[in-house]
């Protein structure tokens, strides 16, 4: 019996829009979950880490539940039986008695056009000699998935007789290897785009914590105009120390602000108190005074080179190799006998510092390493 082949036709297609939408949703879930895990790890954000794990798990369960009716309907479909000719076969590996064999088949269904298909099946080494190019075999496949071809190892006597007397001409390619992608290249690009957008969305939501503006204590020396004595600040003075905390939007590096803050700590003193150390940050000033009767080396607060301090901080931030400075502070002390100013800067590149004398002249630099 000779089977005459009709031109191959395209296999049935599924609803493209639904599959594309599922691909986009899958990409968004994967992208946002991976980004949530990465951002949650960086920020040590436990709820975000839990969400990064729970969302894909919940989505997977939802997909399984939504696909259950379809899988049940597919399992109830009676497969079609047809004859096929082996165009070629090749064992692709395996170290057991059953080895994977890739078959190139021409399938000739009854009453339908023939087509080429590639199918990988496990065949026992003992039975491998029963298959050879040009041989006729019996196959089965779901009616709506003609590419899902499986060899029938023990066909009924009727199909055995048909296979024994049949001759099938080769069908032109290309051979179907898997389910056709409904969206093709467009579907792949849409899934990738959704993945990137999902990841970007998570990063965008937490951009303030990841890449947010520097805290007020991390601002560079301000170029604002002269300080307004009426602006808000908190001053705490005791016998041993004094502290000034400026309100938001202010800086001790504004013109004249540091001198006003220092004066507020010594206002009302009958005599000038000597300072042991002075620590200056952007909005925080701390002065440790020498206790009465102590012989510890100190210095007069009027001796600080106030006009030079903003320039020293700016010099430390920009010339010592710390490209992204996060924190810095200026410390003034005279423990060695002479007034010394040190500006320390820290950032992602490490730490650096410079040292200046009582006139604000730089005498030493320690760049980042």
Protein backbone atom coordinates (compact mmCIF):
# COMPACT_ATOMS: atom_id res chain seq x y z
CA UNK A 1 0.00 0.00 0.00
CA UNK A 2 1.37 3.37 -1.02
CA UNK A 3 0.30 6.50 0.84
CA UNK A 4 0.14 9.66 -1.28
CA UNK A 5 1.11 12.79 0.64
CA UNK A 6 -0.71 16.10 0.50
CA UNK A 7 1.18 19.35 1.10
CA UNK A 8 1.92 19.78 4.81
CA UNK A 9 -0.33 22.11 6.68
CA UNK A 10 0.30 24.15 9.78
CA UNK A 11 -0.73 22.50 13.03
CA UNK A 12 -3.58 23.99 15.03
CA UNK A 13 -2.69 27.13 16.93
CA UNK A 14 -3.73 28.16 20.42
CA UNK A 15 -5.12 31.50 21.48
CA UNK A 16 -2.15 33.78 20.90
CA UNK A 17 -3.31 36.71 23.02
CA UNK A 18 -3.84 34.55 26.11
CA UNK A 19 -0.42 32.94 25.80
CA UNK A 20 1.25 36.32 25.25
CA UNK A 21 -0.47 37.73 28.34
CA UNK A 22 0.68 34.76 30.41
CA UNK A 23 4.22 35.21 29.14
CA UNK A 24 4.20 38.90 30.07
CA UNK A 25 2.85 38.11 33.53
CA UNK A 26 5.44 35.39 34.03
CA UNK A 27 8.25 37.74 33.04
CA UNK A 28 6.98 40.43 35.41
CA UNK A 29 6.78 37.97 38.31
CA UNK A 30 10.28 36.64 37.68
CA UNK A 31 11.82 40.10 37.30
CA UNK A 32 10.13 41.62 40.33
CA UNK A 33 10.88 38.57 42.52
CA UNK A 34 14.58 38.53 41.64
CA UNK A 35 14.82 42.28 42.19
CA UNK A 36 12.98 41.96 45.52
CA UNK A 37 15.44 39.33 46.70
CA UNK A 38 18.43 41.46 45.64
CA UNK A 39 17.09 44.73 47.09
CA UNK A 40 15.88 43.00 50.24
CA UNK A 41 19.33 41.52 50.78
CA UNK A 42 21.06 44.87 50.29
CA UNK A 43 18.66 46.76 52.55
CA UNK A 44 18.18 43.86 55.00
CA UNK A 45 14.44 44.29 54.42
CA UNK A 46 12.87 41.06 55.72
CA UNK A 47 9.31 41.63 54.35
CA UNK A 48 10.77 42.29 50.91
CA UNK A 49 12.78 39.06 51.06
CA UNK A 50 9.68 37.12 52.10
CA UNK A 51 7.73 38.71 49.26
CA UNK A 52 10.46 37.82 46.77
CA UNK A 53 10.04 34.18 47.74
CA UNK A 54 6.29 34.07 48.27
CA UNK A 55 5.16 35.80 45.06
CA UNK A 56 6.66 33.29 42.59
CA UNK A 57 5.48 30.40 44.78
CA UNK A 58 1.94 31.77 44.85
CA UNK A 59 2.07 32.46 41.10
CA UNK A 60 3.23 28.90 40.40
CA UNK A 61 0.38 27.47 42.46
CA UNK A 62 -2.07 29.76 40.67
CA UNK A 63 -0.81 28.62 37.26
CA UNK A 64 -1.12 24.99 38.29
CA UNK A 65 -4.65 25.54 39.55
CA UNK A 66 -5.68 27.47 36.44
CA UNK A 67 -4.26 24.80 34.14
CA UNK A 68 -5.86 21.86 35.95
CA UNK A 69 -9.11 21.90 33.90
CA UNK A 70 -7.14 22.04 30.65
CA UNK A 71 -4.92 19.17 31.69
CA UNK A 72 -7.99 17.14 32.63
CA UNK A 73 -9.60 17.82 29.25
CA UNK A 74 -6.36 16.92 27.48
CA UNK A 75 -6.06 13.67 29.41
CA UNK A 76 -9.58 12.75 28.30
CA UNK A 77 -8.81 13.27 24.61
CA UNK A 78 -8.45 10.02 22.66
CA UNK A 79 -5.12 10.09 20.78
CA UNK A 80 -4.95 9.56 17.04
CA UNK A 81 -3.09 6.63 15.59
CA UNK A 82 -1.18 6.90 12.33
CA UNK A 83 1.65 5.40 10.33
CA UNK A 84 5.02 7.09 10.10
CA UNK A 85 8.25 6.49 8.23
CA UNK A 86 11.61 6.80 9.96
CA UNK A 87 13.69 9.33 8.03
CA UNK A 88 16.64 9.08 10.39
CA UNK A 89 17.44 8.26 14.00
CA UNK A 90 20.28 9.06 16.32
CA UNK A 91 21.03 8.06 19.90
CA UNK A 92 21.72 11.19 21.92
CA UNK A 93 23.32 9.61 25.01
CA UNK A 94 22.52 7.52 28.01
CA UNK A 95 24.40 5.01 30.10
CA UNK A 96 21.51 2.70 30.97
CA UNK A 97 19.70 0.01 29.01
CA UNK A 98 17.16 2.60 27.80
CA UNK A 99 18.83 5.28 25.67
CA UNK A 100 17.27 8.50 24.29
CA UNK A 101 16.90 8.28 20.52
CA UNK A 102 16.01 11.26 18.35
CA UNK A 103 13.70 10.23 15.50
CA UNK A 104 13.05 12.23 12.35
CA UNK A 105 9.67 10.97 11.13
CA UNK A 106 7.24 11.55 8.29
CA UNK A 107 3.79 11.13 9.84
CA UNK A 108 0.91 10.23 7.49
CA UNK A 109 -2.42 10.55 9.33
CA UNK A 110 -5.53 9.05 7.77
CA UNK A 111 -7.48 11.67 5.86
CA UNK A 112 -5.00 14.47 6.59
CA UNK A 113 -1.81 15.96 5.19
CA UNK A 114 1.50 14.39 6.08
CA UNK A 115 4.18 16.32 7.93
CA UNK A 116 7.68 15.95 9.33
CA UNK A 117 8.30 15.82 13.03
CA UNK A 118 11.24 15.25 15.36
CA UNK A 119 10.63 13.24 18.50
CA UNK A 120 12.97 11.96 21.22
CA UNK A 121 12.01 8.64 22.79
CA UNK A 122 13.69 6.15 25.09
CA UNK A 123 14.38 2.83 23.41
CA UNK A 124 15.84 -0.28 24.98
CA UNK A 125 19.16 -1.30 23.48
CA UNK A 126 17.71 -4.73 22.67
CA UNK A 127 14.88 -3.17 20.64
CA UNK A 128 17.06 -0.57 18.90
CA UNK A 129 17.73 -2.90 15.95
CA UNK A 130 13.99 -2.94 15.16
CA UNK A 131 14.20 0.70 14.07
CA UNK A 132 16.07 1.72 10.95
CA UNK A 133 15.77 4.51 8.34
CA UNK A 134 12.97 3.81 5.89
CA UNK A 135 11.09 1.59 8.33
CA UNK A 136 7.37 2.05 8.95
CA UNK A 137 6.19 2.44 12.53
CA UNK A 138 2.90 3.12 14.29
CA UNK A 139 2.62 6.38 16.23
CA UNK A 140 0.06 8.19 18.34
CA UNK A 141 -0.46 11.89 19.08
CA UNK A 142 -3.16 14.19 20.52
CA UNK A 143 -5.36 15.63 17.75
CA UNK A 144 -4.59 19.21 18.81
CA UNK A 145 -0.84 18.58 19.28
CA UNK A 146 0.44 16.78 16.18
CA UNK A 147 4.06 17.46 17.18
CA UNK A 148 3.71 15.35 20.36
CA UNK A 149 4.29 12.08 18.52
CA UNK A 150 5.03 8.87 20.45
CA UNK A 151 5.98 5.51 19.00
CA UNK A 152 3.57 2.66 19.70
CA UNK A 153 5.82 -0.20 20.73
CA UNK A 154 3.07 -2.84 20.70
CA UNK A 155 0.41 -1.83 18.12
CA UNK A 156 -2.77 -3.81 17.54
CA UNK A 157 -2.70 -6.57 14.92
CA UNK A 158 -4.66 -4.37 12.52
CA UNK A 159 -2.05 -1.60 12.66
CA UNK A 160 0.77 -4.13 12.48
CA UNK A 161 -0.68 -5.41 9.20
CA UNK A 162 -1.05 -1.89 7.84
CA UNK A 163 2.52 -1.00 8.78
CA UNK A 164 3.85 -4.20 7.17
CA UNK A 165 2.32 -3.39 3.78
CA UNK A 166 2.62 0.41 3.75
CA UNK A 167 5.05 2.62 1.86
CA UNK A 168 5.29 6.31 2.72
CA UNK A 169 7.03 8.98 0.71
CA UNK A 170 9.13 11.52 2.55
CA UNK A 171 7.37 14.75 3.41
CA UNK A 172 9.23 18.05 2.94
CA UNK A 173 10.50 19.86 6.01
CA UNK A 174 10.91 21.66 8.21
CA UNK A 175 10.35 19.11 10.94
CA UNK A 176 8.27 20.08 13.94
CA UNK A 177 10.27 19.64 17.12
CA UNK A 178 7.98 21.17 19.75
CA UNK A 179 4.86 23.20 20.27
CA UNK A 180 4.98 26.30 18.07
CA UNK A 181 5.38 29.51 20.02
CA UNK A 182 2.14 31.49 19.58
CA UNK A 183 3.88 34.84 19.85
CA UNK A 184 7.13 33.85 18.17
CA UNK A 185 9.89 36.40 18.55
CA UNK A 186 7.41 39.04 19.66
CA UNK A 187 6.33 36.90 22.61
CA UNK A 188 9.93 36.41 23.69
CA UNK A 189 10.65 40.13 23.53
CA UNK A 190 7.47 40.95 25.47
CA UNK A 191 8.42 38.46 28.20
CA UNK A 192 11.92 39.93 28.43
CA UNK A 193 10.52 43.46 28.54
CA UNK A 194 8.10 42.49 31.32
CA UNK A 195 10.97 40.92 33.27
CA UNK A 196 13.03 44.11 33.03
CA UNK A 197 10.05 46.33 33.90
CA UNK A 198 9.20 44.17 36.91
CA UNK A 199 12.76 44.43 38.23
CA UNK A 200 12.88 48.17 37.52
CA UNK A 201 9.58 48.69 39.34
CA UNK A 202 10.92 47.19 42.57
CA UNK A 203 14.12 49.22 42.35
CA UNK A 204 12.08 52.37 41.63
CA UNK A 205 9.90 51.86 44.71
CA UNK A 206 12.94 51.50 46.97
CA UNK A 207 15.16 54.00 45.16
CA UNK A 208 15.01 56.33 48.14
CA UNK A 209 16.68 53.75 50.38
CA UNK A 210 19.07 52.50 47.71
CA UNK A 211 20.13 55.71 45.99
CA UNK A 212 18.40 58.34 48.09
CA UNK A 213 19.69 61.80 48.72
CA UNK A 214 22.40 62.04 51.29
CA UNK A 215 21.42 62.60 54.86
CA UNK A 216 21.77 66.13 56.15
CA UNK A 217 24.96 65.15 57.98
CA UNK A 218 26.43 63.99 54.69
CA UNK A 219 25.91 67.17 52.69
CA UNK A 220 28.94 68.94 51.28
CA UNK A 221 29.83 72.32 52.74
CA UNK A 222 27.03 74.67 51.80
CA UNK A 223 27.47 77.66 49.56
CA UNK A 224 24.52 79.43 51.14
CA UNK A 225 24.67 82.99 52.27
CA UNK A 226 25.25 84.30 55.78
CA UNK A 227 23.54 82.52 58.62
CA UNK A 228 20.31 83.82 60.07
CA UNK A 229 20.52 83.92 63.85
CA UNK A 230 16.79 83.30 64.07
CA UNK A 231 16.82 79.88 62.41
CA UNK A 232 15.95 76.87 64.56
CA UNK A 233 18.60 74.97 66.52
CA UNK A 234 18.99 73.07 69.77
CA UNK A 235 21.70 74.02 72.25
CA UNK A 236 22.70 71.93 75.26
CA UNK A 237 25.40 73.20 77.61
CA UNK A 238 26.83 71.56 80.71
CA UNK A 239 29.93 72.07 82.82
CA UNK A 240 31.86 69.53 80.76
CA UNK A 241 30.53 69.94 77.22
CA UNK A 242 28.25 71.77 74.87
CA UNK A 243 26.25 70.60 71.86
CA UNK A 244 24.46 72.46 69.07
CA UNK A 245 22.12 70.66 66.66
CA UNK A 246 20.83 72.66 63.71
CA UNK A 247 17.41 72.18 62.15
CA UNK A 248 16.77 70.72 58.68
CA UNK A 249 18.08 72.69 55.74
CA UNK A 250 20.88 74.32 57.75
CA UNK A 251 24.60 73.65 57.87
CA UNK A 252 27.43 74.62 60.16
CA UNK A 253 29.44 75.27 57.00
CA UNK A 254 27.17 78.13 55.96
CA UNK A 255 28.94 81.44 56.21
CA UNK A 256 29.17 82.56 59.85
CA UNK A 257 27.06 79.65 61.17
CA UNK A 258 29.87 77.82 62.98
CA UNK A 259 31.00 80.96 64.83
CA UNK A 260 27.44 81.69 65.96
CA UNK A 261 27.04 78.13 67.22
CA UNK A 262 30.30 78.27 69.18
CA UNK A 263 29.35 81.63 70.69
CA UNK A 264 26.02 80.21 71.82
CA UNK A 265 27.90 77.67 73.95
CA UNK A 266 30.02 80.28 75.73
CA UNK A 267 27.36 82.98 76.06
CA UNK A 268 27.11 84.27 79.60
CA UNK A 269 30.46 82.85 80.75
CA UNK A 270 32.26 85.18 83.15
CA UNK A 271 35.55 83.95 81.68
CA UNK A 272 36.49 82.23 78.48
CA UNK A 273 36.53 78.49 78.94
CA UNK A 274 39.23 76.48 77.23
CA UNK A 275 38.19 73.66 74.89
CA UNK A 276 39.75 70.20 74.90
CA UNK A 277 38.25 69.10 71.58
CA UNK A 278 35.82 70.46 69.00
CA UNK A 279 34.02 68.10 66.62
CA UNK A 280 32.07 69.58 63.69
CA UNK A 281 29.73 67.78 61.33
CA UNK A 282 27.23 69.28 58.93
CA UNK A 283 24.51 70.00 61.50
CA UNK A 284 26.18 68.91 64.73
CA UNK A 285 28.73 70.75 66.87
CA UNK A 286 30.22 69.18 69.98
CA UNK A 287 32.67 70.97 72.27
CA UNK A 288 34.36 69.27 75.23
CA UNK A 289 35.54 71.84 77.76
CA UNK A 290 38.50 71.50 80.10
CA UNK A 291 37.24 71.00 83.65
CA UNK A 292 38.01 73.78 86.11
CA UNK A 293 41.38 73.28 87.76
CA UNK A 294 42.55 70.77 85.16
CA UNK A 295 45.95 71.20 83.53
CA UNK A 296 45.01 69.36 80.34
CA UNK A 297 46.21 71.13 77.19
CA UNK A 298 43.41 73.20 75.69
CA UNK A 299 42.83 76.07 73.30
CA UNK A 300 40.74 79.16 73.06
CA UNK A 301 37.68 78.77 70.81
CA UNK A 302 38.48 82.18 69.28
CA UNK A 303 41.68 80.68 67.87
CA UNK A 304 39.81 78.41 65.42
CA UNK A 305 40.36 79.53 61.77
CA UNK A 306 36.62 79.80 61.09
CA UNK A 307 36.86 81.19 57.52
CA UNK A 308 39.13 78.31 56.45
CA UNK A 309 37.08 75.40 57.82
CA UNK A 310 34.59 75.05 54.88
CA UNK A 311 37.48 75.07 52.41
CA UNK A 312 39.33 72.38 54.38
CA UNK A 313 36.30 70.10 54.37
CA UNK A 314 35.76 70.70 50.67
CA UNK A 315 39.41 69.93 50.00
CA UNK A 316 39.19 66.64 51.91
CA UNK A 317 36.05 65.57 50.04
CA UNK A 318 37.34 66.29 46.56
CA UNK A 319 41.11 65.71 46.48
CA UNK A 320 41.84 62.65 48.58
CA UNK A 321 40.48 59.93 46.26
CA UNK A 322 37.12 59.32 47.94
CA UNK A 323 34.84 59.62 44.92
CA UNK A 324 31.55 59.17 46.77
CA UNK A 325 32.02 60.57 50.29
CA UNK A 326 29.35 59.44 52.71
CA UNK A 327 30.41 61.00 56.02
CA UNK A 328 33.01 63.48 57.16
CA UNK A 329 33.85 65.46 60.25
CA UNK A 330 36.35 68.02 61.44
CA UNK A 331 38.14 67.62 64.79
CA UNK A 332 40.14 70.36 66.47
CA UNK A 333 42.44 69.70 69.47
CA UNK A 334 45.74 70.79 70.96
CA UNK A 335 46.88 67.68 72.81
CA UNK A 336 50.32 67.99 71.24
CA UNK A 337 50.60 71.63 72.30
CA UNK A 338 49.71 73.33 69.01
CA UNK A 339 46.19 73.67 67.64
CA UNK A 340 45.59 70.96 65.02
CA UNK A 341 42.62 70.45 62.73
CA UNK A 342 41.89 67.04 61.19
CA UNK A 343 39.23 66.38 58.54
CA UNK A 344 38.25 62.73 58.03
CA UNK A 345 36.22 61.51 55.05
CA UNK A 346 34.75 58.03 54.49
CA UNK A 347 33.04 56.54 51.46
CA UNK A 348 32.79 53.52 49.22
CA UNK A 349 36.45 53.95 48.24
CA UNK A 350 37.68 53.84 51.83
CA UNK A 351 38.75 56.54 54.28
CA UNK A 352 41.01 59.56 53.88
CA UNK A 353 42.04 62.55 55.96
CA UNK A 354 43.99 65.76 55.97
CA UNK A 355 45.62 67.73 58.77
CA UNK A 356 45.94 71.51 59.09
CA UNK A 357 47.59 73.84 61.58
CA UNK A 358 45.94 76.56 63.65
CA UNK A 359 45.98 78.98 60.67
CA UNK A 360 44.08 76.51 58.47
CA UNK A 361 47.12 75.62 56.37
CA UNK A 362 47.25 71.99 55.22
CA UNK A 363 50.33 70.20 56.54
CA UNK A 364 49.52 66.56 55.82
CA UNK A 365 47.32 64.47 53.54
CA UNK A 366 46.36 60.78 53.87
CA UNK A 367 44.56 59.75 50.64
CA UNK A 368 42.22 56.81 50.29
CA UNK A 369 43.82 53.44 49.57
